C-alpha atoms as a PDB file:
ATOM      1  CA  MET A   1      23.976  65.521 153.405  1.00  0.00           C
ATOM      2  CA  ASN A   2      25.660  62.412 152.005  1.00  0.00           C
ATOM      3  CA  THR A   3      23.033  60.530 149.978  1.00  0.00           C
ATOM      4  CA  ASN A   4      25.316  57.493 149.577  1.00  0.00           C
ATOM      5  CA  ILE A   5      24.921  56.813 153.283  1.00  0.00           C
ATOM      6  CA  HIS A   6      21.932  55.507 155.179  1.00  0.00           C
ATOM      7  CA  ILE A   7      21.346  54.934 158.867  1.00  0.00           C
ATOM      8  CA  ARG A   8      20.219  51.646 160.389  1.00  0.00           C
ATOM      9  CA  LYS A   9      20.174  49.955 163.773  1.00  0.00           C
ATOM     10  CA  ALA A  10      23.414  48.247 164.719  1.00  0.00           C
ATOM     11  CA  THR A  11      23.600  44.469 165.016  1.00  0.00           C
ATOM     12  CA  LEU A  12      26.118  42.148 166.642  1.00  0.00           C
ATOM     13  CA  THR A  13      27.580  41.423 163.202  1.00  0.00           C
ATOM     14  CA  ASP A  14      28.720  45.073 163.102  1.00  0.00           C
ATOM     15  CA  THR A  15      30.953  44.538 166.149  1.00  0.00           C
ATOM     16  CA  PRO A  16      34.335  44.210 164.338  1.00  0.00           C
ATOM     17  CA  ILE A  17      33.869  47.491 162.492  1.00  0.00           C
ATOM     18  CA  LEU A  18      32.379  49.234 165.529  1.00  0.00           C
ATOM     19  CA  HIS A  19      35.493  48.114 167.382  1.00  0.00           C
ATOM     20  CA  ASN A  20      37.750  49.709 164.749  1.00  0.00           C
ATOM     21  CA  LEU A  21      35.746  52.936 164.796  1.00  0.00           C
ATOM     22  CA  THR A  22      35.834  53.007 168.607  1.00  0.00           C
ATOM     23  CA  ASP A  23      39.614  52.797 168.359  1.00  0.00           C
ATOM     24  CA  GLN A  24      39.564  55.853 166.053  1.00  0.00           C
ATOM     25  CA  LEU A  25      37.549  57.662 168.726  1.00  0.00           C
ATOM     26  CA  GLY A  26      40.472  57.076 171.085  1.00  0.00           C
ATOM     27  CA  TYR A  27      39.116  54.312 173.301  1.00  0.00           C
ATOM     28  CA  SER A  28      41.175  51.171 173.663  1.00  0.00           C
ATOM     29  CA  VAL A  29      38.530  48.487 174.071  1.00  0.00           C
ATOM     30  CA  SER A  30      38.842  44.891 172.928  1.00  0.00           C
ATOM     31  CA  GLU A  31      36.489  43.471 170.338  1.00  0.00           C
ATOM     32  CA  LYS A  32      35.295  40.970 172.948  1.00  0.00           C
ATOM     33  CA  GLN A  33      34.421  43.809 175.337  1.00  0.00           C
ATOM     34  CA  ILE A  34      32.517  45.603 172.560  1.00  0.00           C
ATOM     35  CA  THR A  35      30.619  42.384 171.782  1.00  0.00           C
ATOM     36  CA  LEU A  36      29.650  41.826 175.426  1.00  0.00           C
ATOM     37  CA  ARG A  37      28.546  45.441 175.807  1.00  0.00           C
ATOM     38  CA  MET A  38      26.603  45.342 172.523  1.00  0.00           C
ATOM     39  CA  GLU A  39      24.720  42.243 173.682  1.00  0.00           C
ATOM     40  CA  THR A  40      23.550  44.131 176.777  1.00  0.00           C
ATOM     41  CA  ILE A  41      22.861  47.392 174.961  1.00  0.00           C
ATOM     42  CA  LEU A  42      20.961  45.827 172.061  1.00  0.00           C
ATOM     43  CA  ALA A  43      18.710  43.991 174.532  1.00  0.00           C
ATOM     44  CA  SER A  44      17.650  47.261 176.180  1.00  0.00           C
ATOM     45  CA  ARG A  45      14.799  49.383 174.876  1.00  0.00           C
ATOM     46  CA  GLU A  46      16.407  52.415 176.559  1.00  0.00           C
ATOM     47  CA  HIS A  47      19.503  52.243 174.337  1.00  0.00           C
ATOM     48  CA  GLN A  48      19.892  52.830 170.627  1.00  0.00           C
ATOM     49  CA  VAL A  49      23.027  52.170 168.593  1.00  0.00           C
ATOM     50  CA  LEU A  50      22.788  53.347 165.013  1.00  0.00           C
ATOM     51  CA  VAL A  51      25.320  52.901 162.238  1.00  0.00           C
ATOM     52  CA  ALA A  52      25.882  54.916 159.104  1.00  0.00           C
ATOM     53  CA  VAL A  53      26.520  52.500 156.252  1.00  0.00           C
ATOM     54  CA  ASN A  54      27.757  53.038 152.718  1.00  0.00           C
ATOM     55  CA  HIS A  55      26.316  51.560 149.513  1.00  0.00           C
ATOM     56  CA  GLU A  56      28.072  48.259 150.328  1.00  0.00           C
ATOM     57  CA  GLU A  57      26.370  48.180 153.760  1.00  0.00           C
ATOM     58  CA  ALA A  58      29.753  48.701 155.466  1.00  0.00           C
ATOM     59  CA  PRO A  59      29.521  50.835 158.626  1.00  0.00           C
ATOM     60  CA  VAL A  60      31.435  54.128 158.400  1.00  0.00           C
ATOM     61  CA  GLY A  61      30.183  55.638 161.652  1.00  0.00           C
ATOM     62  CA  TRP A  62      28.100  54.994 164.726  1.00  0.00           C
ATOM     63  CA  ILE A  63      26.185  56.777 167.475  1.00  0.00           C
ATOM     64  CA  HIS A  64      24.967  55.421 170.809  1.00  0.00           C
ATOM     65  CA  GLY A  65      22.156  57.115 172.680  1.00  0.00           C
ATOM     66  CA  TYR A  66      20.504  56.050 175.905  1.00  0.00           C
ATOM     67  CA  VAL A  67      17.731  57.273 178.150  1.00  0.00           C
ATOM     68  CA  ARG A  68      18.992  58.886 181.328  1.00  0.00           C
ATOM     69  CA  THR A  69      16.701  59.595 184.257  1.00  0.00           C
ATOM     70  CA  LEU A  70      18.145  61.604 187.129  1.00  0.00           C
ATOM     71  CA  LEU A  71      16.735  63.312 190.203  1.00  0.00           C
ATOM     72  CA  VAL A  72      18.347  66.650 189.360  1.00  0.00           C
ATOM     73  CA  VAL A  73      17.434  67.096 185.660  1.00  0.00           C
ATOM     74  CA  ASP A  74      14.614  66.063 183.382  1.00  0.00           C
ATOM     75  CA  LYS A  75      14.759  62.727 181.601  1.00  0.00           C
ATOM     76  CA  HIS A  76      16.909  63.072 178.498  1.00  0.00           C
ATOM     77  CA  ILE A  77      18.964  61.132 175.987  1.00  0.00           C
ATOM     78  CA  ASP A  78      22.710  61.025 176.600  1.00  0.00           C
ATOM     79  CA  ILE A  79      24.932  60.359 173.650  1.00  0.00           C
ATOM     80  CA  GLY A  80      27.424  57.759 174.798  1.00  0.00           C
ATOM     81  CA  GLY A  81      29.551  58.100 171.699  1.00  0.00           C
ATOM     82  CA  LEU A  82      29.591  59.361 168.134  1.00  0.00           C
ATOM     83  CA  VAL A  83      32.319  58.587 165.627  1.00  0.00           C
ATOM     84  CA  VAL A  84      32.735  58.737 161.872  1.00  0.00           C
ATOM     85  CA  ALA A  85      35.639  56.972 160.156  1.00  0.00           C
ATOM     86  CA  ILE A  86      38.523  59.362 159.518  1.00  0.00           C
ATOM     87  CA  GLU A  87      38.285  58.994 155.744  1.00  0.00           C
ATOM     88  CA  HIS A  88      34.540  59.829 155.807  1.00  0.00           C
ATOM     89  CA  ARG A  89      34.547  62.899 158.048  1.00  0.00           C
ATOM     90  CA  SER A  90      33.215  66.299 156.953  1.00  0.00           C
ATOM     91  CA  GLN A  91      30.700  64.700 154.585  1.00  0.00           C
ATOM     92  CA  GLY A  92      27.545  65.200 156.672  1.00  0.00           C
ATOM     93  CA  ILE A  93      27.555  61.690 158.142  1.00  0.00           C
ATOM     94  CA  GLY A  94      27.873  62.871 161.741  1.00  0.00           C
ATOM     95  CA  GLU A  95      24.926  65.191 161.159  1.00  0.00           C
ATOM     96  CA  GLN A  96      22.840  62.296 159.811  1.00  0.00           C
ATOM     97  CA  LEU A  97      23.675  60.183 162.865  1.00  0.00           C
ATOM     98  CA  LEU A  98      22.872  63.046 165.228  1.00  0.00           C
ATOM     99  CA  LYS A  99      19.517  63.701 163.538  1.00  0.00           C
ATOM    100  CA  ALA A 100      18.668  59.995 163.655  1.00  0.00           C
ATOM    101  CA  ILE A 101      19.275  59.779 167.415  1.00  0.00           C
ATOM    102  CA  GLU A 102      17.263  62.985 167.917  1.00  0.00           C
ATOM    103  CA  THR A 103      14.381  61.428 165.963  1.00  0.00           C
ATOM    104  CA  TRP A 104      14.608  58.319 168.150  1.00  0.00           C
ATOM    105  CA  ALA A 105      14.554  60.543 171.263  1.00  0.00           C
ATOM    106  CA  GLN A 106      11.396  62.294 170.088  1.00  0.00           C
ATOM    107  CA  GLY A 107       9.789  58.912 169.403  1.00  0.00           C
ATOM    108  CA  GLU A 108      10.583  57.941 172.987  1.00  0.00           C
ATOM    109  CA  GLY A 109       8.854  61.110 174.209  1.00  0.00           C
ATOM    110  CA  VAL A 110      12.139  62.636 175.328  1.00  0.00           C
ATOM    111  CA  SER A 111      12.575  66.337 174.616  1.00  0.00           C
ATOM    112  CA  ALA A 112      16.330  66.813 175.151  1.00  0.00           C
ATOM    113  CA  VAL A 113      19.619  65.284 174.040  1.00  0.00           C
ATOM    114  CA  ARG A 114      22.911  65.811 175.880  1.00  0.00           C
ATOM    115  CA  ILE A 115      26.487  64.959 175.081  1.00  0.00           C
ATOM    116  CA  ALA A 116      29.662  65.342 177.103  1.00  0.00           C
ATOM    117  CA  SER A 117      32.738  66.029 175.019  1.00  0.00           C
ATOM    118  CA  ASN A 118      36.375  65.993 176.088  1.00  0.00           C
ATOM    119  CA  VAL A 119      37.831  69.492 176.416  1.00  0.00           C
ATOM    120  CA  SER A 120      40.486  68.551 173.851  1.00  0.00           C
ATOM    121  CA  ARG A 121      37.925  67.937 171.068  1.00  0.00           C
ATOM    122  CA  ALA A 122      37.462  71.505 169.820  1.00  0.00           C
ATOM    123  CA  GLN A 123      36.238  70.361 166.379  1.00  0.00           C
ATOM    124  CA  ALA A 124      33.555  68.234 168.019  1.00  0.00           C
ATOM    125  CA  HIS A 125      32.466  71.209 170.139  1.00  0.00           C
ATOM    126  CA  ASP A 126      32.095  73.351 167.008  1.00  0.00           C
ATOM    127  CA  PHE A 127      30.133  70.526 165.345  1.00  0.00           C
ATOM    128  CA  TYR A 128      27.609  70.351 168.206  1.00  0.00           C
ATOM    129  CA  LEU A 129      27.228  74.124 168.369  1.00  0.00           C
ATOM    130  CA  ARG A 130      26.559  74.217 164.593  1.00  0.00           C
ATOM    131  CA  HIS A 131      23.805  71.660 165.076  1.00  0.00           C
ATOM    132  CA  GLY A 132      21.871  73.556 167.732  1.00  0.00           C
ATOM    133  CA  TYR A 133      23.460  72.259 170.912  1.00  0.00           C
ATOM    134  CA  THR A 134      24.284  74.705 173.696  1.00  0.00           C
ATOM    135  CA  HIS A 135      27.322  74.554 175.955  1.00  0.00           C
ATOM    136  CA  VAL A 136      25.726  74.323 179.404  1.00  0.00           C
ATOM    137  CA  LYS A 137      28.565  73.450 181.769  1.00  0.00           C
ATOM    138  CA  ASP A 138      32.140  72.342 182.278  1.00  0.00           C
ATOM    139  CA  SER A 139      32.897  69.543 184.680  1.00  0.00           C
ATOM    140  CA  LYS A 140      35.531  67.064 185.774  1.00  0.00           C
ATOM    141  CA  VAL A 141      35.031  63.314 185.745  1.00  0.00           C
ATOM    142  CA  PHE A 142      36.233  61.265 188.689  1.00  0.00           C
ATOM    143  CA  HIS A 143      36.750  57.524 188.447  1.00  0.00           C
ATOM    144  CA  LYS A 144      37.446  54.823 191.016  1.00  0.00           C
ATOM    145  CA  LEU A 145      38.054  51.154 190.262  1.00  0.00           C
ATOM    146  CA  LEU A 146      36.360  48.759 192.658  1.00  0.00           C
ATOM    147  CA  SER A 147      37.326  45.189 193.328  1.00  0.00           C
ATOM    148  CA  VAL A 148      34.540  42.804 192.371  1.00  0.00           C
END
């Protein structure tokens, strides 16, 4: 566990660095889009965005969890994303973020956390397995753009 890192709730002022970290995760999203999404997410009690910050309070990782209620499975927390800056990986920061979102889930009375991970992210799969997650299914994601 990296003791030089602590976890706190994200704020809108974190947006530029969250944008850079999101890019490292492989998602091409503009800073403006991140800001607009953060405004919505931060206003919702059913979402939690946490950042891992160093001794200078600079974010080096983030995790986003949200409550998901479906007809076919029990209410749970979905992890919408987890990333640690490349230069800070393998230092226990991802584990700290994961534990923090699990603690939030328990505080919300939710007894399960789920994450979907791209089939190409073998290291991420190993990470989740090491931290008590179980591989429960494989699936394909289908996407359709609608005109609005």
